[in-house]
Amino acid sequence: MGSHADSTVKKSIAAVFPGQASQYVGMSKVLYDQFPWTKQIYEEASDSIKENVFKLCSEGPEDTLQLTQNQQPCILTTSYAWFQVLKKNLGFDPFAGAGHSLGEYSALLAAGAMTLTEAVKLVRTRGELMQNAVPKGKGKMAAILGLSDDKVKALCKKATEDAIHSFVVPANFNAPSQVVISGHAAAVDRVQAIAIDPDAGELKPRKFIPLNVSAPFHCALMKPVAEEFEPHLLAVKWGPRAFSIAHNVDGKIRKEGELNTLLKDQIANPVLWTTCVSNLVEHGTQVFIELGPNKVLTGLIKRMTENIALFSMDSFEDFKKFETYIKEGQS
């Protein structure tokens, strides 16, 4: 194995980690079947929050797994287990990483910035605070397809002006022509009214999709959550990061620097996913690998990149495919 080829393969791979709504019942099954030692990772996660994380991942039930406070530790643990599988079996060592919202914590955990116990506790608390942030029915989120970022901003502005105490803003810039909006339910409903209006003109999206979420994330309605969460961030003993990470709040790639503010601000500000991805490509990424349930980020990255190799890690077939790629690159 040539050290030059070895470093070339490692050098160009960015590991990305999914956020909420990627979970599904049974997402831990392949890990347990093919890599039984990963059960220890689930056990450590379970011990840290006194909740059977493995059972939640493997058996659900779905409505329990869907609760924000459960989704977050379960997705993070599963993503981290896949990262450890690649590290242990293939010597995986990415040169950069990123995560979508919750996924940023998985990325920081994988980079060694905190321990699994700290990470699971942190995202469980984050999930609880987010779950209880806004009374049921007061907030909403929706996906807007087929409009540029600027048009979505204009659409939100139009739905917000003339309204008293009711706003809607872009919350996730996920891919070109795919933006998620968040805010008061009444304001999101006004966006929907514009969306179905035949006279909406250039502000008419191709599709308006209401999202089944428990709260309006990544908007100013989450500011109280950010304040409440700050002491929990300050309590973490942050360690050095093994690789650089593109952060949601500004898309900037950092290997060091203060994490508390970045993660606090992330809660009530939009996720700049398109910026994270384009900055990673500019940074030299030639390969993206998504670690964790489903393939949501892979689909988004595919829409905004060219000549980039894409891998997911959610099945044994996925593992074998990536293993072949790594071995061919190092031969």
C-alpha atoms as a PDB file:
ATOM      1  CA  MET A   1       0.000   0.000   0.000  1.00  0.00           C
ATOM      2  CA  GLY A   2       1.685   3.230  -1.102  1.00  0.00           C
ATOM      3  CA  SER A   3       1.656   5.971   1.489  1.00  0.00           C
ATOM      4  CA  HIS A   4       1.140   8.592  -1.223  1.00  0.00           C
ATOM      5  CA  ALA A   5      -1.980   6.877  -2.609  1.00  0.00           C
ATOM      6  CA  ASP A   6      -3.121   6.272   0.945  1.00  0.00           C
ATOM      7  CA  SER A   7      -2.925   9.953   1.891  1.00  0.00           C
ATOM      8  CA  THR A   8      -4.513  11.015  -1.413  1.00  0.00           C
ATOM      9  CA  VAL A   9      -7.608   8.925  -0.743  1.00  0.00           C
ATOM     10  CA  LYS A  10      -7.868  10.122   2.852  1.00  0.00           C
ATOM     11  CA  LYS A  11      -7.140  13.701   1.974  1.00  0.00           C
ATOM     12  CA  SER A  12     -10.090  14.232  -0.313  1.00  0.00           C
ATOM     13  CA  ILE A  13     -12.910  12.601   1.695  1.00  0.00           C
ATOM     14  CA  ALA A  14     -15.423  14.662   3.678  1.00  0.00           C
ATOM     15  CA  ALA A  15     -17.680  12.839   6.145  1.00  0.00           C
ATOM     16  CA  VAL A  16     -21.194  14.255   6.430  1.00  0.00           C
ATOM     17  CA  PHE A  17     -23.781  13.452   9.085  1.00  0.00           C
ATOM     18  CA  PRO A  18     -27.584  13.620   8.765  1.00  0.00           C
ATOM     19  CA  GLY A  19     -29.994  15.603  10.911  1.00  0.00           C
ATOM     20  CA  GLN A  20     -33.488  15.068  12.244  1.00  0.00           C
ATOM     21  CA  ALA A  21     -36.117  13.198  10.231  1.00  0.00           C
ATOM     22  CA  SER A  22     -33.515  10.743   8.869  1.00  0.00           C
ATOM     23  CA  GLN A  23     -34.372   8.134  11.483  1.00  0.00           C
ATOM     24  CA  TYR A  24     -36.325   4.945  10.852  1.00  0.00           C
ATOM     25  CA  VAL A  25     -37.189   1.968  13.026  1.00  0.00           C
ATOM     26  CA  GLY A  26     -34.587  -0.748  12.418  1.00  0.00           C
ATOM     27  CA  MET A  27     -31.732   1.616  11.535  1.00  0.00           C
ATOM     28  CA  SER A  28     -29.392  -0.169  13.969  1.00  0.00           C
ATOM     29  CA  LYS A  29     -30.117  -3.696  12.685  1.00  0.00           C
ATOM     30  CA  VAL A  30     -27.366  -3.947  10.063  1.00  0.00           C
ATOM     31  CA  LEU A  31     -24.788  -2.647  12.559  1.00  0.00           C
ATOM     32  CA  TYR A  32     -25.793  -5.235  15.130  1.00  0.00           C
ATOM     33  CA  ASP A  33     -25.916  -8.077  12.583  1.00  0.00           C
ATOM     34  CA  GLN A  34     -22.672  -7.331  10.734  1.00  0.00           C
ATOM     35  CA  PHE A  35     -20.614  -5.535  13.395  1.00  0.00           C
ATOM     36  CA  PRO A  36     -21.855  -6.911  16.756  1.00  0.00           C
ATOM     37  CA  TRP A  37     -19.226  -4.940  18.708  1.00  0.00           C
ATOM     38  CA  THR A  38     -21.122  -1.708  17.886  1.00  0.00           C
ATOM     39  CA  LYS A  39     -23.636  -2.782  20.564  1.00  0.00           C
ATOM     40  CA  GLN A  40     -21.085  -1.347  23.047  1.00  0.00           C
ATOM     41  CA  ILE A  41     -21.527   2.089  21.451  1.00  0.00           C
ATOM     42  CA  TYR A  42     -25.312   1.847  21.902  1.00  0.00           C
ATOM     43  CA  GLU A  43     -24.829   0.643  25.494  1.00  0.00           C
ATOM     44  CA  GLU A  44     -22.608   3.627  26.328  1.00  0.00           C
ATOM     45  CA  ALA A  45     -25.168   5.965  24.750  1.00  0.00           C
ATOM     46  CA  SER A  46     -27.977   4.285  26.734  1.00  0.00           C
ATOM     47  CA  ASP A  47     -26.072   4.546  30.018  1.00  0.00           C
ATOM     48  CA  SER A  48     -25.477   8.259  29.526  1.00  0.00           C
ATOM     49  CA  ILE A  49     -29.185   9.149  29.296  1.00  0.00           C
ATOM     50  CA  LYS A  50     -30.739   6.144  31.109  1.00  0.00           C
ATOM     51  CA  GLU A  51     -32.715   5.216  27.998  1.00  0.00           C
ATOM     52  CA  ASN A  52     -32.363   2.087  25.840  1.00  0.00           C
ATOM     53  CA  VAL A  53     -31.075   3.786  22.672  1.00  0.00           C
ATOM     54  CA  PHE A  54     -30.478   0.492  20.831  1.00  0.00           C
ATOM     55  CA  LYS A  55     -34.037  -0.696  21.516  1.00  0.00           C
ATOM     56  CA  LEU A  56     -35.457   2.646  20.343  1.00  0.00           C
ATOM     57  CA  CYS A  57     -33.416   2.423  17.131  1.00  0.00           C
ATOM     58  CA  SER A  58     -34.215  -1.212  16.436  1.00  0.00           C
ATOM     59  CA  GLU A  59     -37.811  -1.557  17.670  1.00  0.00           C
ATOM     60  CA  GLY A  60     -39.203   1.977  18.022  1.00  0.00           C
ATOM     61  CA  PRO A  61     -42.168   2.338  18.176  1.00  0.00           C
ATOM     62  CA  GLU A  62     -42.067   4.918  15.417  1.00  0.00           C
ATOM     63  CA  ASP A  63     -43.996   7.643  17.251  1.00  0.00           C
ATOM     64  CA  THR A  64     -41.617   7.338  20.246  1.00  0.00           C
ATOM     65  CA  LEU A  65     -38.536   7.412  18.015  1.00  0.00           C
ATOM     66  CA  GLN A  66     -39.976  10.446  16.239  1.00  0.00           C
ATOM     67  CA  LEU A  67     -39.956  12.583  19.389  1.00  0.00           C
ATOM     68  CA  THR A  68     -37.231  15.206  18.979  1.00  0.00           C
ATOM     69  CA  GLN A  69     -35.658  14.266  22.311  1.00  0.00           C
ATOM     70  CA  ASN A  70     -35.314  10.629  21.129  1.00  0.00           C
ATOM     71  CA  GLN A  71     -34.501  11.255  17.455  1.00  0.00           C
ATOM     72  CA  GLN A  72     -31.423  13.282  18.285  1.00  0.00           C
ATOM     73  CA  PRO A  73     -29.535  10.755  20.488  1.00  0.00           C
ATOM     74  CA  CYS A  74     -30.617   7.851  18.251  1.00  0.00           C
ATOM     75  CA  ILE A  75     -29.441   9.403  14.975  1.00  0.00           C
ATOM     76  CA  LEU A  76     -26.200  10.654  16.544  1.00  0.00           C
ATOM     77  CA  THR A  77     -25.375   7.234  18.042  1.00  0.00           C
ATOM     78  CA  THR A  78     -26.114   5.397  14.783  1.00  0.00           C
ATOM     79  CA  SER A  79     -24.049   7.870  12.741  1.00  0.00           C
ATOM     80  CA  TYR A  80     -21.157   7.559  15.195  1.00  0.00           C
ATOM     81  CA  ALA A  81     -21.380   3.747  15.134  1.00  0.00           C
ATOM     82  CA  TRP A  82     -20.971   3.813  11.333  1.00  0.00           C
ATOM     83  CA  PHE A  83     -18.013   6.175  11.681  1.00  0.00           C
ATOM     84  CA  GLN A  84     -16.358   3.748  14.117  1.00  0.00           C
ATOM     85  CA  VAL A  85     -17.060   0.819  11.739  1.00  0.00           C
ATOM     86  CA  LEU A  86     -15.168   2.612   8.954  1.00  0.00           C
ATOM     87  CA  LYS A  87     -12.375   3.666  11.305  1.00  0.00           C
ATOM     88  CA  LYS A  88     -11.900   0.180  12.743  1.00  0.00           C
ATOM     89  CA  ASN A  89     -12.261  -1.780   9.482  1.00  0.00           C
ATOM     90  CA  LEU A  90     -10.825   0.610   6.891  1.00  0.00           C
ATOM     91  CA  GLY A  91      -8.635   2.996   8.883  1.00  0.00           C
ATOM     92  CA  PHE A  92     -11.034   5.779   7.825  1.00  0.00           C
ATOM     93  CA  ASP A  93      -9.632   9.234   8.491  1.00  0.00           C
ATOM     94  CA  PRO A  94     -11.524  12.032   6.675  1.00  0.00           C
ATOM     95  CA  PHE A  95      -9.827  15.336   6.025  1.00  0.00           C
ATOM     96  CA  ALA A  96     -13.004  17.334   6.696  1.00  0.00           C
ATOM     97  CA  GLY A  97     -16.597  16.962   7.791  1.00  0.00           C
ATOM     98  CA  ALA A  98     -19.979  18.612   8.282  1.00  0.00           C
ATOM     99  CA  GLY A  99     -23.395  17.786   9.640  1.00  0.00           C
ATOM    100  CA  HIS A 100     -26.895  19.085   9.032  1.00  0.00           C
ATOM    101  CA  SER A 101     -28.221  20.698  12.234  1.00  0.00           C
ATOM    102  CA  LEU A 102     -28.095  17.802  14.744  1.00  0.00           C
ATOM    103  CA  GLY A 103     -25.503  16.223  12.410  1.00  0.00           C
ATOM    104  CA  GLU A 104     -23.008  18.928  13.378  1.00  0.00           C
ATOM    105  CA  TYR A 105     -22.821  17.269  16.807  1.00  0.00           C
ATOM    106  CA  SER A 106     -22.192  13.867  15.185  1.00  0.00           C
ATOM    107  CA  ALA A 107     -19.395  15.470  13.130  1.00  0.00           C
ATOM    108  CA  LEU A 108     -17.807  17.017  16.232  1.00  0.00           C
ATOM    109  CA  LEU A 109     -18.088  13.707  18.086  1.00  0.00           C
ATOM    110  CA  ALA A 110     -16.449  11.851  15.181  1.00  0.00           C
ATOM    111  CA  ALA A 111     -13.683  14.476  15.113  1.00  0.00           C
ATOM    112  CA  GLY A 112     -12.996  13.833  18.813  1.00  0.00           C
ATOM    113  CA  ALA A 113     -14.186  17.223  20.087  1.00  0.00           C
ATOM    114  CA  MET A 114     -16.204  15.489  22.841  1.00  0.00           C
ATOM    115  CA  THR A 115     -16.909  12.030  24.224  1.00  0.00           C
ATOM    116  CA  LEU A 116     -19.886   9.897  23.209  1.00  0.00           C
ATOM    117  CA  THR A 117     -21.371  10.288  26.710  1.00  0.00           C
ATOM    118  CA  GLU A 118     -21.106  14.095  26.508  1.00  0.00           C
ATOM    119  CA  ALA A 119     -22.516  14.181  22.973  1.00  0.00           C
ATOM    120  CA  VAL A 120     -25.529  11.966  23.722  1.00  0.00           C
ATOM    121  CA  LYS A 121     -26.378  13.930  26.885  1.00  0.00           C
ATOM    122  CA  LEU A 122     -26.010  17.192  25.015  1.00  0.00           C
ATOM    123  CA  VAL A 123     -28.291  16.277  22.109  1.00  0.00           C
ATOM    124  CA  ARG A 124     -30.869  14.696  24.441  1.00  0.00           C
ATOM    125  CA  THR A 125     -31.067  18.036  26.310  1.00  0.00           C
ATOM    126  CA  ARG A 126     -31.122  19.949  23.023  1.00  0.00           C
ATOM    127  CA  GLY A 127     -33.972  17.720  21.828  1.00  0.00           C
ATOM    128  CA  GLU A 128     -35.978  18.170  25.040  1.00  0.00           C
ATOM    129  CA  LEU A 129     -35.598  21.952  24.937  1.00  0.00           C
ATOM    130  CA  MET A 130     -36.512  22.125  21.244  1.00  0.00           C
ATOM    131  CA  GLN A 131     -39.479  19.769  21.714  1.00  0.00           C
ATOM    132  CA  ASN A 132     -40.932  21.982  24.447  1.00  0.00           C
ATOM    133  CA  ALA A 133     -39.951  25.355  22.988  1.00  0.00           C
ATOM    134  CA  VAL A 134     -43.171  26.353  21.294  1.00  0.00           C
ATOM    135  CA  PRO A 135     -46.757  25.374  22.228  1.00  0.00           C
ATOM    136  CA  LYS A 136     -48.216  22.746  19.896  1.00  0.00           C
ATOM    137  CA  GLY A 137     -49.801  24.299  16.824  1.00  0.00           C
ATOM    138  CA  LYS A 138     -48.102  27.686  17.255  1.00  0.00           C
ATOM    139  CA  GLY A 139     -45.204  27.005  14.884  1.00  0.00           C
ATOM    140  CA  LYS A 140     -44.781  25.266  11.526  1.00  0.00           C
ATOM    141  CA  MET A 141     -42.182  24.353   8.935  1.00  0.00           C
ATOM    142  CA  ALA A 142     -42.528  23.682   5.208  1.00  0.00           C
ATOM    143  CA  ALA A 143     -40.301  22.896   2.233  1.00  0.00           C
ATOM    144  CA  ILE A 144     -40.354  25.230  -0.767  1.00  0.00           C
ATOM    145  CA  LEU A 145     -39.244  23.658  -4.052  1.00  0.00           C
ATOM    146  CA  GLY A 146     -38.459  25.392  -7.323  1.00  0.00           C
ATOM    147  CA  LEU A 147     -37.555  28.894  -6.140  1.00  0.00           C
ATOM    148  CA  SER A 148     -34.146  30.534  -5.760  1.00  0.00           C
ATOM    149  CA  ASP A 149     -32.938  31.462  -2.257  1.00  0.00           C
ATOM    150  CA  ASP A 150     -33.686  35.151  -2.941  1.00  0.00           C
ATOM    151  CA  LYS A 151     -37.230  34.394  -4.100  1.00  0.00           C
ATOM    152  CA  VAL A 152     -37.871  32.331  -0.950  1.00  0.00           C
ATOM    153  CA  LYS A 153     -36.612  35.254   1.160  1.00  0.00           C
ATOM    154  CA  ALA A 154     -38.976  37.586  -0.748  1.00  0.00           C
ATOM    155  CA  LEU A 155     -41.854  35.144  -0.286  1.00  0.00           C
ATOM    156  CA  CYS A 156     -41.251  34.980   3.492  1.00  0.00           C
ATOM    157  CA  LYS A 157     -40.991  38.769   3.645  1.00  0.00           C
ATOM    158  CA  LYS A 158     -44.309  39.136   1.810  1.00  0.00           C
ATOM    159  CA  ALA A 159     -46.014  36.671   4.175  1.00  0.00           C
ATOM    160  CA  THR A 160     -44.587  38.483   7.216  1.00  0.00           C
ATOM    161  CA  GLU A 161     -45.186  42.161   6.372  1.00  0.00           C
ATOM    162  CA  ASP A 162     -48.442  43.679   7.645  1.00  0.00           C
ATOM    163  CA  ALA A 163     -48.669  40.832  10.165  1.00  0.00           C
ATOM    164  CA  ILE A 164     -48.624  41.533  13.878  1.00  0.00           C
ATOM    165  CA  HIS A 165     -46.435  39.198  15.958  1.00  0.00           C
ATOM    166  CA  SER A 166     -46.253  36.589  13.231  1.00  0.00           C
ATOM    167  CA  PHE A 167     -43.261  35.847  11.015  1.00  0.00           C
ATOM    168  CA  VAL A 168     -41.766  33.212   8.720  1.00  0.00           C
ATOM    169  CA  VAL A 169     -38.128  32.931   7.563  1.00  0.00           C
ATOM    170  CA  PRO A 170     -35.908  30.563   5.559  1.00  0.00           C
ATOM    171  CA  ALA A 171     -34.566  27.966   8.016  1.00  0.00           C
ATOM    172  CA  ASN A 172     -32.594  25.448   5.923  1.00  0.00           C
ATOM    173  CA  PHE A 173     -30.866  26.260   2.653  1.00  0.00           C
ATOM    174  CA  ASN A 174     -30.631  22.588   1.680  1.00  0.00           C
ATOM    175  CA  ALA A 175     -29.879  22.665  -2.057  1.00  0.00           C
ATOM    176  CA  PRO A 176     -30.480  24.975  -5.004  1.00  0.00           C
ATOM    177  CA  SER A 177     -34.278  25.384  -5.323  1.00  0.00           C
ATOM    178  CA  GLN A 178     -34.899  23.548  -2.056  1.00  0.00           C
ATOM    179  CA  VAL A 179     -35.357  25.717   1.020  1.00  0.00           C
ATOM    180  CA  VAL A 180     -37.197  24.943   4.249  1.00  0.00           C
ATOM    181  CA  ILE A 181     -39.096  27.782   5.930  1.00  0.00           C
ATOM    182  CA  SER A 182     -39.967  28.107   9.610  1.00  0.00           C
ATOM    183  CA  GLY A 183     -41.979  30.379  11.864  1.00  0.00           C
ATOM    184  CA  HIS A 184     -45.441  31.047  13.262  1.00  0.00           C
ATOM    185  CA  ALA A 185     -48.106  28.700  11.908  1.00  0.00           C
ATOM    186  CA  ALA A 186     -50.224  31.619  10.649  1.00  0.00           C
ATOM    187  CA  ALA A 187     -47.297  33.046   8.657  1.00  0.00           C
ATOM    188  CA  VAL A 188     -46.406  29.654   7.126  1.00  0.00           C
ATOM    189  CA  ASP A 189     -50.078  29.304   6.173  1.00  0.00           C
ATOM    190  CA  ARG A 190     -49.872  32.710   4.440  1.00  0.00           C
ATOM    191  CA  VAL A 191     -46.894  31.424   2.412  1.00  0.00           C
ATOM    192  CA  GLN A 192     -49.003  28.434   1.420  1.00  0.00           C
ATOM    193  CA  ALA A 193     -51.841  30.763   0.341  1.00  0.00           C
ATOM    194  CA  ILE A 194     -49.404  32.687  -1.899  1.00  0.00           C
ATOM    195  CA  ALA A 195     -47.964  29.385  -3.188  1.00  0.00           C
ATOM    196  CA  ILE A 196     -51.337  28.169  -4.467  1.00  0.00           C
ATOM    197  CA  ASP A 197     -52.403  31.579  -5.806  1.00  0.00           C
ATOM    198  CA  PRO A 198     -52.341  31.510  -9.646  1.00  0.00           C
ATOM    199  CA  ASP A 199     -51.392  35.218  -9.579  1.00  0.00           C
ATOM    200  CA  ALA A 200     -48.316  34.718  -7.369  1.00  0.00           C
ATOM    201  CA  GLY A 201     -46.085  35.200 -10.425  1.00  0.00           C
ATOM    202  CA  GLU A 202     -42.355  34.795  -9.806  1.00  0.00           C
ATOM    203  CA  LEU A 203     -42.980  33.969  -6.138  1.00  0.00           C
ATOM    204  CA  LYS A 204     -44.979  30.849  -7.023  1.00  0.00           C
ATOM    205  CA  PRO A 205     -43.000  27.743  -6.036  1.00  0.00           C
ATOM    206  CA  ARG A 206     -43.122  24.463  -7.919  1.00  0.00           C
ATOM    207  CA  LYS A 207     -44.118  22.743  -4.700  1.00  0.00           C
ATOM    208  CA  PHE A 208     -45.071  23.635  -1.128  1.00  0.00           C
ATOM    209  CA  ILE A 209     -44.686  20.718   1.309  1.00  0.00           C
ATOM    210  CA  PRO A 210     -45.761  21.089   4.969  1.00  0.00           C
ATOM    211  CA  LEU A 211     -43.333  19.205   7.226  1.00  0.00           C
ATOM    212  CA  ASN A 212     -44.315  16.932  10.084  1.00  0.00           C
ATOM    213  CA  VAL A 213     -42.104  18.418  12.806  1.00  0.00           C
ATOM    214  CA  SER A 214     -42.736  19.100  16.479  1.00  0.00           C
ATOM    215  CA  ALA A 215     -41.544  22.722  16.471  1.00  0.00           C
ATOM    216  CA  PRO A 216     -40.415  25.557  14.159  1.00  0.00           C
ATOM    217  CA  PHE A 217     -36.651  24.961  14.214  1.00  0.00           C
ATOM    218  CA  HIS A 218     -33.872  27.338  13.140  1.00  0.00           C
ATOM    219  CA  CYS A 219     -35.805  30.576  13.502  1.00  0.00           C
ATOM    220  CA  ALA A 220     -36.120  33.309  16.161  1.00  0.00           C
ATOM    221  CA  LEU A 221     -38.818  31.307  17.978  1.00  0.00           C
ATOM    222  CA  MET A 222     -35.907  29.089  19.124  1.00  0.00           C
ATOM    223  CA  LYS A 223     -33.968  31.940  20.787  1.00  0.00           C
ATOM    224  CA  PRO A 224     -35.152  31.025  24.311  1.00  0.00           C
ATOM    225  CA  VAL A 225     -33.933  27.458  23.625  1.00  0.00           C
ATOM    226  CA  ALA A 226     -30.501  28.769  22.612  1.00  0.00           C
ATOM    227  CA  GLU A 227     -30.251  30.728  25.893  1.00  0.00           C
ATOM    228  CA  GLU A 228     -31.356  27.747  27.988  1.00  0.00           C
ATOM    229  CA  PHE A 229     -28.992  25.444  26.142  1.00  0.00           C
ATOM    230  CA  GLU A 230     -25.894  27.630  26.544  1.00  0.00           C
ATOM    231  CA  PRO A 231     -24.937  26.430  30.081  1.00  0.00           C
ATOM    232  CA  HIS A 232     -25.002  22.822  28.809  1.00  0.00           C
ATOM    233  CA  LEU A 233     -22.591  23.754  26.008  1.00  0.00           C
ATOM    234  CA  LEU A 234     -20.328  25.603  28.451  1.00  0.00           C
ATOM    235  CA  ALA A 235     -20.164  22.482  30.633  1.00  0.00           C
ATOM    236  CA  VAL A 236     -18.582  20.379  27.840  1.00  0.00           C
ATOM    237  CA  LYS A 237     -14.825  19.839  27.962  1.00  0.00           C
ATOM    238  CA  TRP A 238     -14.118  20.413  24.274  1.00  0.00           C
ATOM    239  CA  GLY A 239     -11.143  18.506  22.931  1.00  0.00           C
ATOM    240  CA  PRO A 240      -8.995  19.119  19.830  1.00  0.00           C
ATOM    241  CA  ARG A 241     -10.616  18.174  16.510  1.00  0.00           C
ATOM    242  CA  ALA A 242      -8.977  15.524  14.332  1.00  0.00           C
ATOM    243  CA  PHE A 243     -10.398  17.118  11.180  1.00  0.00           C
ATOM    244  CA  SER A 244     -11.911  20.433  10.073  1.00  0.00           C
ATOM    245  CA  ILE A 245     -15.659  20.997  10.112  1.00  0.00           C
ATOM    246  CA  ALA A 246     -17.867  23.282   8.012  1.00  0.00           C
ATOM    247  CA  HIS A 247     -20.306  24.920  10.413  1.00  0.00           C
ATOM    248  CA  ASN A 248     -24.015  25.474   9.749  1.00  0.00           C
ATOM    249  CA  VAL A 249     -24.226  29.104  10.868  1.00  0.00           C
ATOM    250  CA  ASP A 250     -21.760  30.532   8.348  1.00  0.00           C
ATOM    251  CA  GLY A 251     -20.463  27.598   6.264  1.00  0.00           C
ATOM    252  CA  LYS A 252     -16.894  28.387   7.356  1.00  0.00           C
ATOM    253  CA  ILE A 253     -14.468  25.494   7.761  1.00  0.00           C
ATOM    254  CA  ARG A 254     -12.675  25.406  11.110  1.00  0.00           C
ATOM    255  CA  LYS A 255     -10.383  22.988  12.882  1.00  0.00           C
ATOM    256  CA  GLU A 256     -10.141  25.082  16.025  1.00  0.00           C
ATOM    257  CA  GLY A 257     -11.902  27.982  17.670  1.00  0.00           C
ATOM    258  CA  GLU A 258     -14.777  28.475  20.047  1.00  0.00           C
ATOM    259  CA  LEU A 259     -17.633  25.989  19.599  1.00  0.00           C
ATOM    260  CA  ASN A 260     -20.091  27.208  22.245  1.00  0.00           C
ATOM    261  CA  THR A 261     -21.194  30.283  20.287  1.00  0.00           C
ATOM    262  CA  LEU A 262     -21.349  28.429  16.945  1.00  0.00           C
ATOM    263  CA  LEU A 263     -23.596  25.725  18.409  1.00  0.00           C
ATOM    264  CA  LYS A 264     -25.712  28.138  20.434  1.00  0.00           C
ATOM    265  CA  ASP A 265     -26.315  30.374  17.387  1.00  0.00           C
ATOM    266  CA  GLN A 266     -27.077  27.358  15.200  1.00  0.00           C
ATOM    267  CA  ILE A 267     -30.335  26.699  17.107  1.00  0.00           C
ATOM    268  CA  ALA A 268     -32.115  29.947  16.152  1.00  0.00           C
ATOM    269  CA  ASN A 269     -30.416  30.637  12.805  1.00  0.00           C
ATOM    270  CA  PRO A 270     -30.739  29.048   9.358  1.00  0.00           C
ATOM    271  CA  VAL A 271     -28.704  25.999   8.374  1.00  0.00           C
ATOM    272  CA  LEU A 272     -26.521  27.100   5.440  1.00  0.00           C
ATOM    273  CA  TRP A 273     -26.077  23.591   4.055  1.00  0.00           C
ATOM    274  CA  THR A 274     -25.479  24.667   0.438  1.00  0.00           C
ATOM    275  CA  THR A 275     -22.678  26.968   1.672  1.00  0.00           C
ATOM    276  CA  CYS A 276     -21.149  24.174   3.788  1.00  0.00           C
ATOM    277  CA  VAL A 277     -21.065  21.838   0.774  1.00  0.00           C
ATOM    278  CA  SER A 278     -19.718  24.387  -1.719  1.00  0.00           C
ATOM    279  CA  ASN A 279     -17.021  25.471   0.777  1.00  0.00           C
ATOM    280  CA  LEU A 280     -15.983  21.839   1.315  1.00  0.00           C
ATOM    281  CA  VAL A 281     -15.703  21.378  -2.463  1.00  0.00           C
ATOM    282  CA  GLU A 282     -13.577  24.540  -2.710  1.00  0.00           C
ATOM    283  CA  HIS A 283     -11.532  23.193   0.208  1.00  0.00           C
ATOM    284  CA  GLY A 284     -10.599  20.209  -1.989  1.00  0.00           C
ATOM    285  CA  THR A 285     -13.269  17.600  -1.256  1.00  0.00           C
ATOM    286  CA  GLN A 286     -13.485  15.025  -4.038  1.00  0.00           C
ATOM    287  CA  VAL A 287     -15.549  12.459  -2.147  1.00  0.00           C
ATOM    288  CA  PHE A 288     -18.512  12.838   0.224  1.00  0.00           C
ATOM    289  CA  ILE A 289     -19.625   9.994   2.449  1.00  0.00           C
ATOM    290  CA  GLU A 290     -22.831  10.269   4.462  1.00  0.00           C
ATOM    291  CA  LEU A 291     -22.745   8.306   7.714  1.00  0.00           C
ATOM    292  CA  GLY A 292     -26.090   7.447   9.251  1.00  0.00           C
ATOM    293  CA  PRO A 293     -29.707   6.572   8.534  1.00  0.00           C
ATOM    294  CA  ASN A 294     -31.215   7.223   5.118  1.00  0.00           C
ATOM    295  CA  LYS A 295     -29.491   9.084   2.295  1.00  0.00           C
ATOM    296  CA  VAL A 296     -30.994  12.571   2.576  1.00  0.00           C
ATOM    297  CA  LEU A 297     -27.722  14.525   2.436  1.00  0.00           C
ATOM    298  CA  THR A 298     -26.382  12.384  -0.418  1.00  0.00           C
ATOM    299  CA  GLY A 299     -29.441  13.365  -2.457  1.00  0.00           C
ATOM    300  CA  LEU A 300     -28.935  17.054  -1.674  1.00  0.00           C
ATOM    301  CA  ILE A 301     -25.195  16.996  -2.435  1.00  0.00           C
ATOM    302  CA  LYS A 302     -25.837  15.194  -5.712  1.00  0.00           C
ATOM    303  CA  ARG A 303     -27.987  18.123  -6.846  1.00  0.00           C
ATOM    304  CA  MET A 304     -25.290  20.721  -6.239  1.00  0.00           C
ATOM    305  CA  THR A 305     -22.005  19.077  -7.233  1.00  0.00           C
ATOM    306  CA  GLU A 306     -20.362  17.685 -10.342  1.00  0.00           C
ATOM    307  CA  ASN A 307     -17.484  15.216 -10.669  1.00  0.00           C
ATOM    308  CA  ILE A 308     -17.749  14.359  -6.981  1.00  0.00           C
ATOM    309  CA  ALA A 309     -17.889  10.751  -5.752  1.00  0.00           C
ATOM    310  CA  LEU A 310     -20.797  10.136  -3.370  1.00  0.00           C
ATOM    311  CA  PHE A 311     -21.183   7.319  -0.853  1.00  0.00           C
ATOM    312  CA  SER A 312     -23.728   6.576   1.870  1.00  0.00           C
ATOM    313  CA  MET A 313     -23.332   4.323   4.877  1.00  0.00           C
ATOM    314  CA  ASP A 314     -26.647   2.781   5.901  1.00  0.00           C
ATOM    315  CA  SER A 315     -26.372  -0.884   4.831  1.00  0.00           C
ATOM    316  CA  PHE A 316     -23.815  -3.697   4.498  1.00  0.00           C
ATOM    317  CA  GLU A 317     -23.884  -3.192   0.697  1.00  0.00           C
ATOM    318  CA  ASP A 318     -22.951   0.459   1.286  1.00  0.00           C
ATOM    319  CA  PHE A 319     -20.027  -0.664   3.451  1.00  0.00           C
ATOM    320  CA  LYS A 320     -18.748  -3.179   0.856  1.00  0.00           C
ATOM    321  CA  LYS A 321     -19.009  -0.585  -1.915  1.00  0.00           C
ATOM    322  CA  PHE A 322     -16.960   1.956   0.052  1.00  0.00           C
ATOM    323  CA  GLU A 323     -14.481  -0.730   1.148  1.00  0.00           C
ATOM    324  CA  THR A 324     -13.858  -1.599  -2.516  1.00  0.00           C
ATOM    325  CA  TYR A 325     -13.361   2.074  -3.375  1.00  0.00           C
ATOM    326  CA  ILE A 326     -10.855   2.601  -0.554  1.00  0.00           C
ATOM    327  CA  LYS A 327      -8.903  -0.574  -1.380  1.00  0.00           C
ATOM    328  CA  GLU A 328      -8.730   0.270  -5.085  1.00  0.00           C
ATOM    329  CA  GLY A 329      -7.542   3.782  -4.251  1.00  0.00           C
ATOM    330  CA  GLN A 330      -4.791   2.452  -2.020  1.00  0.00           C
ATOM    331  CA  SER A 331      -3.506  -0.348  -4.227  1.00  0.00           C
END
